[in-house]
Amino acid sequence: MTLDAVTISRTVDQALDRWVALPEREWVDTTVLLLRGHLELLVREYPGAIDTPAVRQLHRDAYKLLELGRRFDADTPSLHLFELMLALATTTRAFLALHQQSPT
């Protein structure tokens, strides 16, 4: 499977855009789903070794966020979901950079 770095970057950039107010809940829900999918793909497709403390920590963070994202539902407060979206976007961006630096 080929990674679409442009699409992943666009989703991350939109999620990390500066916000004056919380975006609409439906948009956040959709963006969280997209980011989870991107991050799951990046974690699964990462070709490099997990041999540095920083990379191991990034993997741990990714797995925690992905698990947390599975627990959120319609009753989750919008602010909590927004914070998850930002964390997913930041971690996805880090994984994409890591993936792009890896020799393939």
Protein backbone atom coordinates (compact mmCIF):
# COMPACT_ATOMS: atom_id res chain seq x y z
CA MET A 1 0.00 0.00 0.00
CA THR A 2 1.33 3.43 -0.93
CA LEU A 3 1.11 6.28 1.51
CA ASP A 4 -0.46 9.50 0.25
CA ALA A 5 1.72 11.99 2.09
CA VAL A 6 -0.07 14.98 0.54
CA THR A 7 -3.47 13.87 1.84
CA ILE A 8 -2.07 13.03 5.26
CA SER A 9 -0.28 16.40 5.46
CA ARG A 10 -3.41 18.27 4.38
CA THR A 11 -5.52 16.57 7.07
CA VAL A 12 -2.88 17.31 9.72
CA ASP A 13 -2.56 20.94 8.65
CA GLN A 14 -6.33 21.45 8.75
CA ALA A 15 -6.53 19.88 12.21
CA LEU A 16 -3.68 21.99 13.56
CA ASP A 17 -4.98 25.24 12.06
CA ARG A 18 -5.34 28.02 14.61
CA TRP A 19 -8.81 28.01 16.10
CA VAL A 20 -10.57 30.97 17.71
CA ALA A 21 -13.49 28.79 18.70
CA LEU A 22 -14.18 25.08 18.65
CA PRO A 23 -15.01 23.89 15.14
CA GLU A 24 -18.29 22.13 14.50
CA ARG A 25 -18.52 18.76 16.22
CA GLU A 26 -19.28 16.93 12.97
CA TRP A 27 -16.06 18.25 11.39
CA VAL A 28 -14.01 17.26 14.44
CA ASP A 29 -15.58 13.78 14.44
CA THR A 30 -14.70 13.32 10.76
CA THR A 31 -11.19 14.70 11.20
CA VAL A 32 -10.53 12.38 14.16
CA LEU A 33 -11.59 9.40 12.04
CA LEU A 34 -9.32 10.52 9.18
CA LEU A 35 -6.37 11.10 11.49
CA ARG A 36 -6.86 7.73 13.18
CA GLY A 37 -6.82 6.06 9.78
CA HIS A 38 -3.71 7.94 8.69
CA LEU A 39 -1.91 7.18 11.94
CA GLU A 40 -2.87 3.49 11.87
CA LEU A 41 -1.51 3.26 8.33
CA LEU A 42 1.71 5.06 9.22
CA VAL A 43 2.31 2.87 12.29
CA ARG A 44 1.64 -0.29 10.31
CA GLU A 45 3.70 0.77 7.29
CA TYR A 46 6.66 2.26 9.16
CA PRO A 47 9.68 0.57 7.55
CA GLY A 48 12.31 1.64 10.06
CA ALA A 49 13.63 0.02 13.17
CA ILE A 50 12.22 0.98 16.56
CA ASP A 51 15.64 1.20 18.09
CA THR A 52 15.81 4.67 19.57
CA PRO A 53 14.04 5.89 22.70
CA ALA A 54 12.36 8.70 20.75
CA VAL A 55 10.92 6.34 18.14
CA ARG A 56 9.76 3.86 20.79
CA GLN A 57 8.03 6.72 22.64
CA LEU A 58 6.37 7.89 19.45
CA HIS A 59 5.01 4.37 18.91
CA ARG A 60 3.71 4.23 22.49
CA ASP A 61 2.05 7.63 22.07
CA ALA A 62 0.46 6.54 18.80
CA TYR A 63 -0.97 3.34 20.27
CA LYS A 64 -2.35 5.21 23.30
CA LEU A 65 -4.03 7.83 21.11
CA LEU A 66 -5.47 5.22 18.78
CA GLU A 67 -6.91 3.30 21.74
CA LEU A 68 -8.27 6.48 23.29
CA GLY A 69 -9.89 7.40 19.99
CA ARG A 70 -11.82 4.12 19.99
CA ARG A 71 -13.42 5.00 23.32
CA PHE A 72 -14.81 8.38 22.31
CA ASP A 73 -18.46 8.55 21.27
CA ALA A 74 -21.32 11.03 20.85
CA ASP A 75 -21.38 11.66 24.61
CA THR A 76 -17.74 12.75 24.71
CA PRO A 77 -17.48 16.49 25.39
CA SER A 78 -16.53 18.45 22.29
CA LEU A 79 -13.47 19.97 23.96
CA HIS A 80 -12.09 16.52 24.82
CA LEU A 81 -12.57 15.33 21.25
CA PHE A 82 -10.94 18.52 19.94
CA GLU A 83 -7.93 17.91 22.19
CA LEU A 84 -7.71 14.33 20.93
CA MET A 85 -7.81 15.63 17.36
CA LEU A 86 -4.87 17.96 18.05
CA ALA A 87 -2.86 15.18 19.70
CA LEU A 88 -3.59 12.79 16.82
CA ALA A 89 -2.57 15.44 14.28
CA THR A 90 0.70 16.18 16.08
CA THR A 91 1.59 12.49 16.38
CA THR A 92 0.56 11.79 12.79
CA ARG A 93 2.78 14.63 11.59
CA ALA A 94 5.73 13.22 13.56
CA PHE A 95 5.13 9.74 12.14
CA LEU A 96 4.87 11.05 8.60
CA ALA A 97 8.19 12.88 9.00
CA LEU A 98 9.75 9.73 10.42
CA HIS A 99 8.37 7.66 7.56
CA GLN A 100 9.63 10.10 4.95
CA GLN A 101 13.14 10.02 6.47
CA SER A 102 13.30 6.23 6.48
CA PRO A 103 15.19 4.48 3.72
CA THR A 104 12.76 2.34 1.75
